[in-house]
C-alpha cells in the first residue's frame, strides 16, 4: 500500500474530518502536526495555492481541502463506505456535505463577535443553519444517512464538538434539547461512535486555545470595530 500522510493541526475540525474518515476505514497513516504560525516547507510544497491544512499526501501526491479529501478517501478505499449505495441517497449525502461547506462557517463568524448587531446577525444565521439540519437533514434519524455514520455526519462534526466551545466563549446557547431535539440527540450519538469518541480534541485544551485566538483577533480589531 502506498504511503499515506496527513498534515494537520490538532485543534482544527477540518483535520479531524480526515482523521475520522481514515480511521473509520482502517487506513494506516502518518500524522504530521503543522505550525500555522511558522508554515513548514512541506505544507508550502504540497499546498502552494492556499497554504492551508489539512493536506492528505497519498503516494507522494497531495490532496487539499477537507471535503475533497473525504471524497478522495471514499473513492480510493471503498471498504467501510461513508456513502450509501443508492445513487439518490449518495446525491443527498453529497448535498449535505456541500451545505456544510457553505453554511457552517456562520458559527465561526459568531465566534468572532462580542455583541450588538454583528453578533445578532451571526446568531440568526447560525440558528437558521441549525434549523435546516433539524427539519430537513436529520428529522428523526440517528445519523444523516440513517442508522450508520457517514460522510455528511463527518462534514458536520464541528457542530457536534466545536460549536459547544463557541457557545461557551461567546456566551450564547444555540443547541438545546427543547429547541432542536433531533440535532441535540445527533450530537450525542455522533460523539458516542467509538472512533469519533477516541479521536476528539480535549475540550479544556481546545477552549483555552480558541479563547486565546479569539482574544487576539478581537484585540487586533481595536475598539469600536
N, C-alpha and C. Protein backbone atom coordinates (compact mmCIF):
# COMPACT_ATOMS: atom_id res chain seq x y z
N UNK A 1 0.84 -1.20 0.00
CA UNK A 1 0.00 0.00 0.00
C UNK A 1 0.88 1.25 0.00
N UNK A 2 0.50 2.23 -0.82
CA UNK A 2 1.27 3.47 -0.89
C UNK A 2 1.15 4.25 0.41
N UNK A 3 2.22 4.96 0.74
CA UNK A 3 2.29 5.70 1.99
C UNK A 3 1.23 6.80 2.05
N UNK A 4 0.61 6.93 3.22
CA UNK A 4 -0.41 7.96 3.45
C UNK A 4 0.06 8.86 4.58
N UNK A 5 0.05 10.16 4.31
CA UNK A 5 0.41 11.14 5.33
C UNK A 5 -0.70 12.18 5.43
N UNK A 6 -0.90 12.69 6.64
CA UNK A 6 -1.87 13.75 6.85
C UNK A 6 -1.18 14.91 7.55
N UNK A 7 -1.19 16.07 6.90
CA UNK A 7 -0.67 17.29 7.51
C UNK A 7 -1.86 18.05 8.09
N UNK A 8 -1.83 18.30 9.40
CA UNK A 8 -2.95 18.96 10.05
C UNK A 8 -2.52 19.72 11.27
N UNK A 9 -3.49 20.26 11.99
CA UNK A 9 -3.25 20.89 13.29
C UNK A 9 -4.27 20.35 14.29
N UNK A 10 -3.86 20.17 15.52
CA UNK A 10 -4.68 19.44 16.50
C UNK A 10 -6.03 20.10 16.82
N UNK A 11 -6.16 21.44 16.82
CA UNK A 11 -7.49 21.96 17.17
C UNK A 11 -8.42 22.14 15.98
N UNK A 12 -7.98 21.79 14.78
CA UNK A 12 -8.76 22.09 13.58
C UNK A 12 -9.85 21.04 13.32
N UNK A 13 -11.12 21.46 13.22
CA UNK A 13 -12.17 20.49 12.89
C UNK A 13 -12.00 19.91 11.49
N UNK A 14 -11.31 20.63 10.62
CA UNK A 14 -11.10 20.15 9.26
C UNK A 14 -10.06 19.03 9.22
N UNK A 15 -9.07 19.11 10.09
CA UNK A 15 -8.13 17.99 10.23
C UNK A 15 -8.84 16.75 10.75
N UNK A 16 -9.75 16.96 11.70
CA UNK A 16 -10.44 15.82 12.30
C UNK A 16 -11.39 15.15 11.33
N UNK A 17 -11.94 15.89 10.40
CA UNK A 17 -12.74 15.25 9.35
C UNK A 17 -11.94 14.12 8.68
N UNK A 18 -10.71 14.44 8.34
CA UNK A 18 -9.87 13.47 7.62
C UNK A 18 -9.44 12.34 8.55
N UNK A 19 -9.08 12.66 9.77
CA UNK A 19 -8.71 11.64 10.75
C UNK A 19 -9.84 10.64 10.94
N UNK A 20 -11.05 11.15 11.13
CA UNK A 20 -12.20 10.26 11.34
C UNK A 20 -12.42 9.35 10.14
N UNK A 21 -12.35 9.91 8.94
CA UNK A 21 -12.59 9.10 7.74
C UNK A 21 -11.54 8.01 7.59
N UNK A 22 -10.28 8.35 7.79
CA UNK A 22 -9.20 7.37 7.67
C UNK A 22 -9.36 6.26 8.71
N UNK A 23 -9.69 6.64 9.92
CA UNK A 23 -9.81 5.65 10.98
C UNK A 23 -11.06 4.78 10.81
N UNK A 24 -12.16 5.37 10.36
CA UNK A 24 -13.37 4.58 10.12
C UNK A 24 -13.13 3.54 9.04
N UNK A 25 -12.23 3.85 8.11
CA UNK A 25 -11.92 2.91 7.03
C UNK A 25 -10.72 2.02 7.35
N UNK A 26 -10.08 2.26 8.48
CA UNK A 26 -8.95 1.41 8.88
C UNK A 26 -7.70 1.64 8.05
N UNK A 27 -7.48 2.86 7.59
CA UNK A 27 -6.32 3.17 6.76
C UNK A 27 -5.18 3.67 7.64
N UNK A 28 -4.04 2.98 7.67
CA UNK A 28 -2.90 3.49 8.44
C UNK A 28 -2.31 4.73 7.78
N UNK A 29 -1.88 5.67 8.59
CA UNK A 29 -1.32 6.91 8.05
C UNK A 29 -0.36 7.53 9.06
N UNK A 30 0.48 8.41 8.56
CA UNK A 30 1.38 9.18 9.41
C UNK A 30 0.79 10.57 9.58
N UNK A 31 0.65 10.99 10.83
CA UNK A 31 0.12 12.33 11.09
C UNK A 31 1.28 13.29 11.33
N UNK A 32 1.25 14.43 10.65
CA UNK A 32 2.29 15.45 10.78
C UNK A 32 1.64 16.73 11.26
N UNK A 33 1.97 17.14 12.48
CA UNK A 33 1.41 18.36 13.07
C UNK A 33 2.07 19.59 12.45
N UNK A 34 1.25 20.51 11.97
CA UNK A 34 1.73 21.72 11.31
C UNK A 34 1.62 22.92 12.24
N UNK A 35 2.63 23.77 12.23
CA UNK A 35 2.61 25.02 12.98
C UNK A 35 2.20 26.13 12.00
N UNK A 36 0.95 26.56 12.09
CA UNK A 36 0.45 27.54 11.13
C UNK A 36 1.05 28.93 11.32
N UNK A 37 1.68 29.17 12.48
CA UNK A 37 2.36 30.45 12.68
C UNK A 37 3.75 30.46 12.05
N UNK A 38 4.21 29.29 11.65
CA UNK A 38 5.52 29.15 11.00
C UNK A 38 5.43 28.00 10.01
N UNK A 39 4.76 28.24 8.90
CA UNK A 39 4.40 27.16 7.98
C UNK A 39 5.62 26.46 7.41
N UNK A 40 5.54 25.14 7.39
CA UNK A 40 6.68 24.32 7.01
C UNK A 40 6.88 24.28 5.50
N UNK A 41 8.10 24.00 5.05
CA UNK A 41 8.34 23.81 3.62
C UNK A 41 7.46 22.71 3.04
N UNK A 42 7.14 21.68 3.83
CA UNK A 42 6.30 20.59 3.35
C UNK A 42 4.90 21.09 3.01
N UNK A 43 4.32 21.89 3.91
CA UNK A 43 2.98 22.43 3.64
C UNK A 43 3.00 23.34 2.41
N UNK A 44 3.99 24.18 2.31
CA UNK A 44 4.08 25.11 1.19
C UNK A 44 4.33 24.37 -0.12
N UNK A 45 5.02 23.23 -0.03
CA UNK A 45 5.25 22.41 -1.22
C UNK A 45 3.96 21.74 -1.69
N UNK A 46 3.22 21.18 -0.73
CA UNK A 46 2.06 20.38 -1.09
C UNK A 46 0.79 21.20 -1.28
N UNK A 47 0.70 22.39 -0.67
CA UNK A 47 -0.46 23.26 -0.87
C UNK A 47 0.02 24.69 -1.14
N UNK A 48 0.69 24.90 -2.26
CA UNK A 48 1.27 26.23 -2.53
C UNK A 48 0.21 27.30 -2.81
N UNK A 49 -0.99 26.90 -3.22
CA UNK A 49 -2.02 27.88 -3.57
C UNK A 49 -2.65 28.51 -2.33
N UNK A 50 -3.17 27.67 -1.42
CA UNK A 50 -3.86 28.19 -0.24
C UNK A 50 -3.00 28.16 1.03
N UNK A 51 -1.98 27.29 1.04
CA UNK A 51 -1.07 27.20 2.19
C UNK A 51 -1.84 26.87 3.47
N UNK A 52 -2.87 26.00 3.34
CA UNK A 52 -3.74 25.65 4.47
C UNK A 52 -3.72 24.15 4.71
N UNK A 53 -4.13 23.79 5.91
CA UNK A 53 -4.34 22.38 6.26
C UNK A 53 -5.84 22.13 6.20
N UNK A 54 -6.25 20.86 6.11
CA UNK A 54 -5.42 19.66 6.03
C UNK A 54 -4.96 19.37 4.61
N UNK A 55 -3.88 18.62 4.53
CA UNK A 55 -3.41 18.10 3.25
C UNK A 55 -3.19 16.60 3.42
N UNK A 56 -3.81 15.81 2.58
CA UNK A 56 -3.56 14.37 2.55
C UNK A 56 -2.53 14.12 1.45
N UNK A 57 -1.49 13.37 1.79
CA UNK A 57 -0.47 13.02 0.80
C UNK A 57 -0.51 11.51 0.62
N UNK A 58 -0.87 11.06 -0.56
CA UNK A 58 -1.01 9.63 -0.85
C UNK A 58 -0.06 9.27 -1.98
N UNK A 59 0.92 8.45 -1.65
CA UNK A 59 1.90 8.07 -2.65
C UNK A 59 2.66 9.26 -3.21
N UNK A 60 2.88 10.26 -2.35
CA UNK A 60 3.61 11.45 -2.76
C UNK A 60 2.76 12.51 -3.45
N UNK A 61 1.47 12.24 -3.66
CA UNK A 61 0.58 13.18 -4.35
C UNK A 61 -0.34 13.86 -3.33
N UNK A 62 -0.40 15.19 -3.32
CA UNK A 62 -1.23 15.89 -2.34
C UNK A 62 -2.68 16.05 -2.78
N UNK A 63 -3.58 15.99 -1.80
CA UNK A 63 -4.99 16.32 -2.00
C UNK A 63 -5.34 17.34 -0.92
N UNK A 64 -5.92 18.47 -1.32
CA UNK A 64 -6.22 19.57 -0.40
C UNK A 64 -7.73 19.78 -0.28
N UNK A 65 -8.11 20.49 0.77
CA UNK A 65 -9.50 20.81 1.11
C UNK A 65 -10.20 19.59 1.68
N UNK A 66 -10.66 19.71 2.93
CA UNK A 66 -11.14 18.54 3.66
C UNK A 66 -12.32 17.85 2.98
N UNK A 67 -13.25 18.60 2.40
CA UNK A 67 -14.40 17.96 1.73
C UNK A 67 -13.94 17.17 0.51
N UNK A 68 -12.97 17.70 -0.21
CA UNK A 68 -12.41 16.99 -1.37
C UNK A 68 -11.66 15.73 -0.90
N UNK A 69 -10.93 15.87 0.20
CA UNK A 69 -10.19 14.73 0.74
C UNK A 69 -11.14 13.61 1.15
N UNK A 70 -12.28 13.96 1.77
CA UNK A 70 -13.25 12.94 2.17
C UNK A 70 -13.72 12.13 0.95
N UNK A 71 -14.02 12.82 -0.14
CA UNK A 71 -14.48 12.13 -1.34
C UNK A 71 -13.37 11.28 -1.92
N UNK A 72 -12.13 11.78 -1.87
CA UNK A 72 -10.98 11.01 -2.37
C UNK A 72 -10.82 9.72 -1.57
N UNK A 73 -10.92 9.83 -0.26
CA UNK A 73 -10.78 8.65 0.61
C UNK A 73 -11.85 7.62 0.27
N UNK A 74 -13.07 8.09 0.04
CA UNK A 74 -14.17 7.18 -0.31
C UNK A 74 -13.91 6.51 -1.66
N UNK A 75 -13.35 7.26 -2.62
CA UNK A 75 -13.09 6.71 -3.94
C UNK A 75 -11.96 5.68 -3.93
N UNK A 76 -10.92 5.97 -3.16
CA UNK A 76 -9.72 5.11 -3.18
C UNK A 76 -9.89 3.88 -2.30
N UNK A 77 -10.55 4.06 -1.15
CA UNK A 77 -10.71 2.94 -0.20
C UNK A 77 -12.20 2.70 0.03
N UNK A 78 -12.84 1.88 -0.79
CA UNK A 78 -14.29 1.71 -0.71
C UNK A 78 -14.77 0.90 0.49
N UNK A 79 -13.85 0.25 1.22
CA UNK A 79 -14.29 -0.54 2.38
C UNK A 79 -14.89 0.37 3.45
N UNK A 80 -15.78 -0.18 4.25
CA UNK A 80 -16.49 0.59 5.27
C UNK A 80 -17.01 1.90 4.68
N UNK A 81 -17.91 1.83 3.70
CA UNK A 81 -18.29 3.01 2.93
C UNK A 81 -18.91 4.12 3.77
N UNK A 82 -18.58 5.35 3.38
CA UNK A 82 -19.13 6.54 4.01
C UNK A 82 -20.30 7.10 3.22
N UNK A 83 -20.49 6.57 2.01
CA UNK A 83 -21.62 6.94 1.17
C UNK A 83 -22.52 5.72 0.95
N UNK A 84 -23.82 5.91 0.86
CA UNK A 84 -24.73 4.77 0.61
C UNK A 84 -24.58 4.26 -0.83
N UNK A 85 -25.15 3.10 -1.09
CA UNK A 85 -25.08 2.50 -2.44
C UNK A 85 -26.06 3.15 -3.40
N UNK A 86 -27.21 3.53 -2.92
CA UNK A 86 -28.25 4.08 -3.78
C UNK A 86 -27.82 5.43 -4.35
N UNK A 87 -27.91 5.62 -5.68
CA UNK A 87 -27.44 6.87 -6.30
C UNK A 87 -28.11 8.12 -5.75
N UNK A 88 -29.43 8.04 -5.50
CA UNK A 88 -30.12 9.21 -4.96
C UNK A 88 -29.66 9.52 -3.55
N UNK A 89 -29.51 8.49 -2.73
CA UNK A 89 -29.05 8.70 -1.37
C UNK A 89 -27.61 9.24 -1.34
N UNK A 90 -26.79 8.79 -2.30
CA UNK A 90 -25.43 9.33 -2.40
C UNK A 90 -25.47 10.82 -2.74
N UNK A 91 -26.37 11.17 -3.66
CA UNK A 91 -26.51 12.58 -4.04
C UNK A 91 -26.97 13.42 -2.86
N UNK A 92 -27.90 12.89 -2.07
CA UNK A 92 -28.38 13.61 -0.89
C UNK A 92 -27.24 13.82 0.11
N UNK A 93 -26.44 12.78 0.33
CA UNK A 93 -25.30 12.90 1.24
C UNK A 93 -24.33 13.97 0.76
N UNK A 94 -24.05 13.98 -0.53
CA UNK A 94 -23.15 14.99 -1.09
C UNK A 94 -23.75 16.39 -0.97
N UNK A 95 -25.07 16.49 -1.11
CA UNK A 95 -25.74 17.78 -0.91
C UNK A 95 -25.44 18.33 0.48
N UNK A 96 -25.56 17.45 1.50
CA UNK A 96 -25.35 17.93 2.87
C UNK A 96 -23.89 18.26 3.14
N UNK A 97 -22.98 17.57 2.50
CA UNK A 97 -21.55 17.95 2.62
C UNK A 97 -21.36 19.35 2.06
N UNK A 98 -21.96 19.62 0.91
CA UNK A 98 -21.84 20.95 0.31
C UNK A 98 -22.54 22.01 1.17
N UNK A 99 -23.67 21.63 1.76
CA UNK A 99 -24.37 22.54 2.66
C UNK A 99 -23.48 22.90 3.84
N UNK A 100 -22.77 21.91 4.37
CA UNK A 100 -21.83 22.16 5.48
C UNK A 100 -20.75 23.14 5.06
N UNK A 101 -20.23 22.96 3.85
CA UNK A 101 -19.18 23.86 3.36
C UNK A 101 -19.69 25.29 3.25
N UNK A 102 -20.92 25.45 2.81
CA UNK A 102 -21.47 26.79 2.57
C UNK A 102 -22.00 27.47 3.82
N UNK A 103 -22.58 26.69 4.75
CA UNK A 103 -23.34 27.29 5.85
C UNK A 103 -22.67 27.23 7.23
N UNK A 104 -21.89 26.18 7.49
CA UNK A 104 -21.30 26.05 8.83
C UNK A 104 -20.34 27.19 9.19
N UNK A 105 -19.67 27.84 8.22
CA UNK A 105 -18.80 28.96 8.59
C UNK A 105 -19.48 30.06 9.41
N UNK A 106 -20.82 30.10 9.41
CA UNK A 106 -21.50 31.14 10.19
C UNK A 106 -21.23 30.99 11.68
N UNK A 107 -20.96 29.77 12.16
CA UNK A 107 -20.67 29.62 13.59
C UNK A 107 -19.32 30.25 13.94
N UNK A 108 -18.41 30.30 12.98
CA UNK A 108 -17.12 30.95 13.21
C UNK A 108 -17.23 32.46 13.11
N UNK A 109 -18.21 32.96 12.35
CA UNK A 109 -18.49 34.39 12.38
C UNK A 109 -19.03 34.78 13.75
N UNK A 110 -19.87 33.92 14.34
CA UNK A 110 -20.35 34.15 15.70
C UNK A 110 -19.19 34.17 16.68
N UNK A 111 -18.25 33.27 16.51
CA UNK A 111 -17.05 33.17 17.35
C UNK A 111 -16.29 34.50 17.40
N UNK A 112 -16.33 35.25 16.30
CA UNK A 112 -15.53 36.48 16.20
C UNK A 112 -16.31 37.73 16.62
N UNK A 113 -17.47 37.56 17.26
CA UNK A 113 -18.27 38.71 17.68
C UNK A 113 -18.23 38.88 19.19
N UNK A 114 -18.57 40.10 19.63
CA UNK A 114 -18.63 40.38 21.07
C UNK A 114 -20.01 40.86 21.52
N UNK A 115 -20.90 41.10 20.59
CA UNK A 115 -22.22 41.58 20.95
C UNK A 115 -22.79 42.47 19.87
N UNK A 116 -23.93 43.06 20.18
CA UNK A 116 -24.51 44.03 19.27
C UNK A 116 -25.08 43.41 18.01
N UNK A 117 -25.24 44.25 16.99
CA UNK A 117 -25.89 43.84 15.74
C UNK A 117 -25.11 42.74 15.03
N UNK A 118 -23.78 42.84 15.08
CA UNK A 118 -22.95 41.84 14.41
C UNK A 118 -23.19 40.45 14.99
N UNK A 119 -23.25 40.37 16.32
CA UNK A 119 -23.48 39.08 16.96
C UNK A 119 -24.89 38.56 16.70
N UNK A 120 -25.87 39.45 16.73
CA UNK A 120 -27.24 39.03 16.47
C UNK A 120 -27.39 38.46 15.06
N UNK A 121 -26.72 39.10 14.10
CA UNK A 121 -26.78 38.61 12.73
C UNK A 121 -26.14 37.23 12.61
N UNK A 122 -24.97 37.05 13.23
CA UNK A 122 -24.29 35.75 13.18
C UNK A 122 -25.09 34.68 13.92
N UNK A 123 -25.72 35.06 15.01
CA UNK A 123 -26.55 34.12 15.77
C UNK A 123 -27.76 33.70 14.94
N UNK A 124 -28.39 34.67 14.27
CA UNK A 124 -29.55 34.38 13.42
C UNK A 124 -29.16 33.42 12.29
N UNK A 125 -28.03 33.68 11.64
CA UNK A 125 -27.56 32.80 10.56
C UNK A 125 -27.30 31.39 11.09
N UNK A 126 -26.70 31.31 12.28
CA UNK A 126 -26.38 30.01 12.86
C UNK A 126 -27.66 29.25 13.20
N UNK A 127 -28.64 29.94 13.76
CA UNK A 127 -29.91 29.29 14.10
C UNK A 127 -30.63 28.80 12.85
N UNK A 128 -30.58 29.57 11.78
CA UNK A 128 -31.22 29.15 10.53
C UNK A 128 -30.54 27.90 9.98
N UNK A 129 -29.22 27.85 10.06
CA UNK A 129 -28.48 26.68 9.60
C UNK A 129 -28.84 25.46 10.44
N UNK A 130 -28.88 25.63 11.76
CA UNK A 130 -29.20 24.51 12.65
C UNK A 130 -30.64 24.03 12.43
N UNK A 131 -31.54 24.97 12.17
CA UNK A 131 -32.94 24.59 11.94
C UNK A 131 -33.07 23.75 10.66
N UNK A 132 -32.27 24.10 9.65
CA UNK A 132 -32.28 23.32 8.41
C UNK A 132 -31.80 21.89 8.67
N UNK A 133 -30.80 21.74 9.53
CA UNK A 133 -30.32 20.39 9.87
C UNK A 133 -31.40 19.62 10.64
N UNK A 134 -32.04 20.30 11.57
CA UNK A 134 -33.07 19.68 12.39
C UNK A 134 -34.26 19.21 11.55
N UNK A 135 -34.75 20.09 10.68
CA UNK A 135 -36.01 19.83 9.99
C UNK A 135 -35.85 19.09 8.66
N UNK A 136 -34.70 19.23 8.02
CA UNK A 136 -34.53 18.65 6.69
C UNK A 136 -33.40 17.63 6.61
N UNK A 137 -32.36 17.80 7.44
CA UNK A 137 -31.23 16.89 7.36
C UNK A 137 -31.40 15.64 8.21
N UNK A 138 -31.82 15.84 9.45
CA UNK A 138 -31.90 14.72 10.39
C UNK A 138 -33.32 14.20 10.57
N UNK A 139 -34.25 15.11 10.80
CA UNK A 139 -35.62 14.73 11.16
C UNK A 139 -35.54 13.76 12.35
N UNK A 140 -36.00 12.52 12.18
CA UNK A 140 -35.97 11.60 13.33
C UNK A 140 -34.92 10.51 13.15
N UNK A 141 -33.91 10.77 12.31
CA UNK A 141 -32.87 9.76 12.06
C UNK A 141 -31.75 9.88 13.09
N UNK A 142 -31.06 8.76 13.32
CA UNK A 142 -29.94 8.76 14.25
C UNK A 142 -28.76 9.51 13.65
N UNK A 143 -28.49 9.26 12.37
CA UNK A 143 -27.45 9.96 11.63
C UNK A 143 -28.06 10.50 10.34
N UNK A 144 -27.31 11.30 9.61
CA UNK A 144 -27.85 11.91 8.41
C UNK A 144 -28.32 10.88 7.39
N UNK A 145 -27.60 9.75 7.32
CA UNK A 145 -27.96 8.72 6.35
C UNK A 145 -28.80 7.60 6.92
N UNK A 146 -29.19 7.69 8.18
CA UNK A 146 -29.98 6.62 8.80
C UNK A 146 -29.37 6.15 10.10
N UNK A 147 -29.08 4.85 10.17
CA UNK A 147 -28.58 4.26 11.42
C UNK A 147 -27.06 4.19 11.50
N UNK A 148 -26.38 4.58 10.43
CA UNK A 148 -24.93 4.43 10.36
C UNK A 148 -24.27 5.76 10.05
N UNK A 149 -23.16 6.04 10.72
CA UNK A 149 -22.41 7.27 10.48
C UNK A 149 -21.90 7.30 9.05
N UNK A 150 -21.93 8.49 8.44
CA UNK A 150 -21.49 8.61 7.06
C UNK A 150 -20.80 9.93 6.80
N UNK A 151 -20.61 10.23 5.53
CA UNK A 151 -19.81 11.39 5.14
C UNK A 151 -20.45 12.71 5.57
N UNK A 152 -21.77 12.79 5.57
CA UNK A 152 -22.43 14.03 5.99
C UNK A 152 -22.23 14.29 7.47
N UNK A 153 -22.30 13.24 8.28
CA UNK A 153 -22.05 13.39 9.72
C UNK A 153 -20.64 13.92 9.96
N UNK A 154 -19.68 13.37 9.23
CA UNK A 154 -18.29 13.82 9.37
C UNK A 154 -18.18 15.29 8.98
N UNK A 155 -18.86 15.68 7.92
CA UNK A 155 -18.81 17.07 7.46
C UNK A 155 -19.32 18.03 8.52
N UNK A 156 -20.31 17.60 9.30
CA UNK A 156 -20.90 18.45 10.33
C UNK A 156 -20.30 18.21 11.72
N UNK A 157 -19.19 17.49 11.79
CA UNK A 157 -18.60 17.16 13.08
C UNK A 157 -18.32 18.36 13.96
N UNK A 158 -17.97 19.49 13.35
CA UNK A 158 -17.66 20.66 14.16
C UNK A 158 -18.89 21.20 14.88
N UNK A 159 -20.09 20.92 14.35
CA UNK A 159 -21.32 21.32 15.05
C UNK A 159 -21.48 20.49 16.32
N UNK A 160 -21.01 19.26 16.29
CA UNK A 160 -21.16 18.36 17.45
C UNK A 160 -20.19 18.68 18.58
N UNK A 161 -19.00 19.22 18.26
CA UNK A 161 -17.98 19.39 19.31
C UNK A 161 -17.49 20.83 19.42
N UNK A 162 -17.18 21.46 18.30
CA UNK A 162 -16.61 22.81 18.33
C UNK A 162 -17.65 23.87 18.64
N UNK A 163 -18.90 23.67 18.22
CA UNK A 163 -19.92 24.68 18.47
C UNK A 163 -20.15 24.89 19.96
N UNK A 164 -20.09 23.83 20.74
CA UNK A 164 -20.25 23.97 22.19
C UNK A 164 -19.20 24.90 22.77
N UNK A 165 -17.97 24.78 22.27
CA UNK A 165 -16.89 25.66 22.71
C UNK A 165 -17.18 27.11 22.31
N UNK A 166 -17.68 27.31 21.10
CA UNK A 166 -18.03 28.66 20.65
C UNK A 166 -19.13 29.24 21.53
N UNK A 167 -20.13 28.42 21.85
CA UNK A 167 -21.21 28.87 22.73
C UNK A 167 -20.66 29.34 24.07
N UNK A 168 -19.74 28.57 24.64
CA UNK A 168 -19.16 28.92 25.94
C UNK A 168 -18.36 30.21 25.87
N UNK A 169 -17.61 30.40 24.80
CA UNK A 169 -16.77 31.59 24.69
C UNK A 169 -17.60 32.85 24.42
N UNK A 170 -18.63 32.72 23.60
CA UNK A 170 -19.42 33.88 23.22
C UNK A 170 -20.52 34.17 24.25
N UNK A 171 -20.93 33.14 24.99
CA UNK A 171 -21.97 33.33 25.99
C UNK A 171 -23.37 33.22 25.44
N UNK A 172 -23.55 32.35 24.43
CA UNK A 172 -24.88 32.09 23.89
C UNK A 172 -25.10 30.58 23.88
N UNK A 173 -26.36 30.18 23.80
CA UNK A 173 -26.69 28.76 23.71
C UNK A 173 -27.60 28.56 22.51
N UNK A 174 -27.14 27.72 21.58
CA UNK A 174 -27.89 27.52 20.35
C UNK A 174 -28.58 26.15 20.30
N UNK A 175 -27.82 25.10 20.62
CA UNK A 175 -28.39 23.75 20.54
C UNK A 175 -28.86 23.31 21.92
N UNK A 176 -30.17 23.25 22.09
CA UNK A 176 -30.76 22.76 23.33
C UNK A 176 -31.79 21.69 22.99
N UNK A 177 -31.98 20.78 23.92
CA UNK A 177 -32.84 19.62 23.65
C UNK A 177 -34.27 20.04 23.30
N UNK A 178 -34.76 21.10 23.91
CA UNK A 178 -36.15 21.51 23.64
C UNK A 178 -36.28 22.31 22.35
N UNK A 179 -35.16 22.87 21.87
CA UNK A 179 -35.20 23.69 20.65
C UNK A 179 -34.94 22.85 19.41
N UNK A 180 -33.91 22.04 19.47
CA UNK A 180 -33.52 21.19 18.35
C UNK A 180 -33.34 19.75 18.86
N UNK A 181 -34.42 19.05 19.17
CA UNK A 181 -34.30 17.72 19.80
C UNK A 181 -33.54 16.71 18.95
N UNK A 182 -33.77 16.69 17.63
CA UNK A 182 -33.09 15.72 16.78
C UNK A 182 -31.60 16.05 16.66
N UNK A 183 -31.29 17.31 16.50
CA UNK A 183 -29.90 17.74 16.39
C UNK A 183 -29.15 17.53 17.71
N UNK A 184 -29.82 17.82 18.80
CA UNK A 184 -29.22 17.61 20.12
C UNK A 184 -28.89 16.13 20.32
N UNK A 185 -29.82 15.25 19.94
CA UNK A 185 -29.58 13.81 20.05
C UNK A 185 -28.44 13.38 19.12
N UNK A 186 -28.40 13.96 17.92
CA UNK A 186 -27.35 13.60 16.96
C UNK A 186 -25.97 13.94 17.50
N UNK A 187 -25.82 15.09 18.16
CA UNK A 187 -24.50 15.44 18.70
C UNK A 187 -24.03 14.39 19.69
N UNK A 188 -24.96 13.87 20.48
CA UNK A 188 -24.60 12.82 21.46
C UNK A 188 -24.27 11.52 20.73
N UNK A 189 -25.12 11.14 19.77
CA UNK A 189 -24.88 9.90 19.02
C UNK A 189 -23.55 9.94 18.27
N UNK A 190 -23.26 11.07 17.65
CA UNK A 190 -22.04 11.22 16.88
C UNK A 190 -20.81 11.02 17.77
N UNK A 191 -20.82 11.66 18.92
CA UNK A 191 -19.63 11.59 19.80
C UNK A 191 -19.54 10.28 20.57
N UNK A 192 -20.58 9.45 20.49
CA UNK A 192 -20.54 8.13 21.12
C UNK A 192 -20.03 7.04 20.17
N UNK A 193 -19.90 7.35 18.89
CA UNK A 193 -19.28 6.39 17.96
C UNK A 193 -17.84 6.19 18.42
N UNK A 194 -17.41 4.95 18.70
CA UNK A 194 -16.11 4.75 19.33
C UNK A 194 -14.95 5.47 18.65
N UNK A 195 -14.85 5.41 17.34
CA UNK A 195 -13.72 6.05 16.66
C UNK A 195 -13.79 7.57 16.79
N UNK A 196 -14.98 8.13 16.79
CA UNK A 196 -15.12 9.58 16.99
C UNK A 196 -14.74 9.92 18.44
N UNK A 197 -15.29 9.17 19.37
CA UNK A 197 -15.05 9.43 20.80
C UNK A 197 -13.57 9.37 21.14
N UNK A 198 -12.85 8.44 20.51
CA UNK A 198 -11.42 8.27 20.78
C UNK A 198 -10.56 9.30 20.04
N UNK A 199 -11.15 10.05 19.13
CA UNK A 199 -10.38 10.98 18.31
C UNK A 199 -11.05 12.34 18.27
N UNK A 200 -11.18 12.94 19.46
CA UNK A 200 -11.66 14.31 19.60
C UNK A 200 -10.63 15.10 20.40
N UNK A 201 -10.43 16.37 20.08
CA UNK A 201 -9.50 17.16 20.89
C UNK A 201 -10.06 17.35 22.29
N UNK A 202 -9.17 17.40 23.28
CA UNK A 202 -9.59 17.63 24.66
C UNK A 202 -10.33 18.96 24.76
N UNK A 203 -11.52 18.93 25.38
CA UNK A 203 -12.36 20.12 25.39
C UNK A 203 -11.69 21.28 26.13
N UNK A 204 -11.08 21.00 27.28
CA UNK A 204 -10.44 22.06 28.05
C UNK A 204 -9.28 22.71 27.30
N UNK A 205 -8.46 21.89 26.68
CA UNK A 205 -7.34 22.43 25.91
C UNK A 205 -7.83 23.23 24.72
N UNK A 206 -8.87 22.72 24.07
CA UNK A 206 -9.43 23.41 22.92
C UNK A 206 -10.03 24.76 23.34
N UNK A 207 -10.71 24.78 24.47
CA UNK A 207 -11.31 26.02 24.97
C UNK A 207 -10.24 27.07 25.22
N UNK A 208 -9.14 26.66 25.84
CA UNK A 208 -8.04 27.59 26.11
C UNK A 208 -7.42 28.10 24.81
N UNK A 209 -7.21 27.20 23.86
CA UNK A 209 -6.59 27.57 22.59
C UNK A 209 -7.45 28.60 21.85
N UNK A 210 -8.73 28.31 21.73
CA UNK A 210 -9.60 29.20 20.97
C UNK A 210 -9.92 30.49 21.73
N UNK A 211 -9.86 30.46 23.05
CA UNK A 211 -10.03 31.70 23.82
C UNK A 211 -8.88 32.66 23.50
N UNK A 212 -7.65 32.12 23.48
CA UNK A 212 -6.50 32.96 23.12
C UNK A 212 -6.65 33.49 21.70
N UNK A 213 -7.05 32.60 20.80
CA UNK A 213 -7.20 33.01 19.39
C UNK A 213 -8.26 34.10 19.26
N UNK A 214 -9.36 33.95 19.97
CA UNK A 214 -10.44 34.94 19.90
C UNK A 214 -10.00 36.26 20.52
N UNK A 215 -9.33 36.20 21.67
CA UNK A 215 -8.84 37.42 22.33
C UNK A 215 -7.87 38.16 21.41
N UNK A 216 -6.98 37.43 20.76
CA UNK A 216 -6.01 38.06 19.86
C UNK A 216 -6.71 38.69 18.66
N UNK A 217 -7.71 37.99 18.13
CA UNK A 217 -8.44 38.53 16.98
C UNK A 217 -9.18 39.81 17.37
N UNK A 218 -9.87 39.79 18.51
CA UNK A 218 -10.63 40.96 18.92
C UNK A 218 -9.72 42.13 19.25
N UNK A 219 -8.55 41.84 19.85
CA UNK A 219 -7.58 42.90 20.15
C UNK A 219 -7.05 43.53 18.88
N UNK A 220 -6.88 42.71 17.83
CA UNK A 220 -6.34 43.23 16.57
C UNK A 220 -7.33 44.13 15.85
N UNK A 221 -8.62 43.96 16.14
CA UNK A 221 -9.64 44.82 15.51
C UNK A 221 -9.70 46.20 16.13
N UNK A 222 -9.30 46.28 17.40
CA UNK A 222 -9.32 47.55 18.08
C UNK A 222 -10.71 47.92 18.58
N UNK A 223 -10.81 48.94 19.41
CA UNK A 223 -12.11 49.35 19.98
C UNK A 223 -13.01 49.93 18.90
N UNK A 224 -14.29 49.62 19.07
CA UNK A 224 -15.29 50.16 18.15
C UNK A 224 -15.37 49.50 16.80
N UNK A 225 -14.61 48.43 16.63
CA UNK A 225 -14.62 47.73 15.34
C UNK A 225 -15.75 46.71 15.31
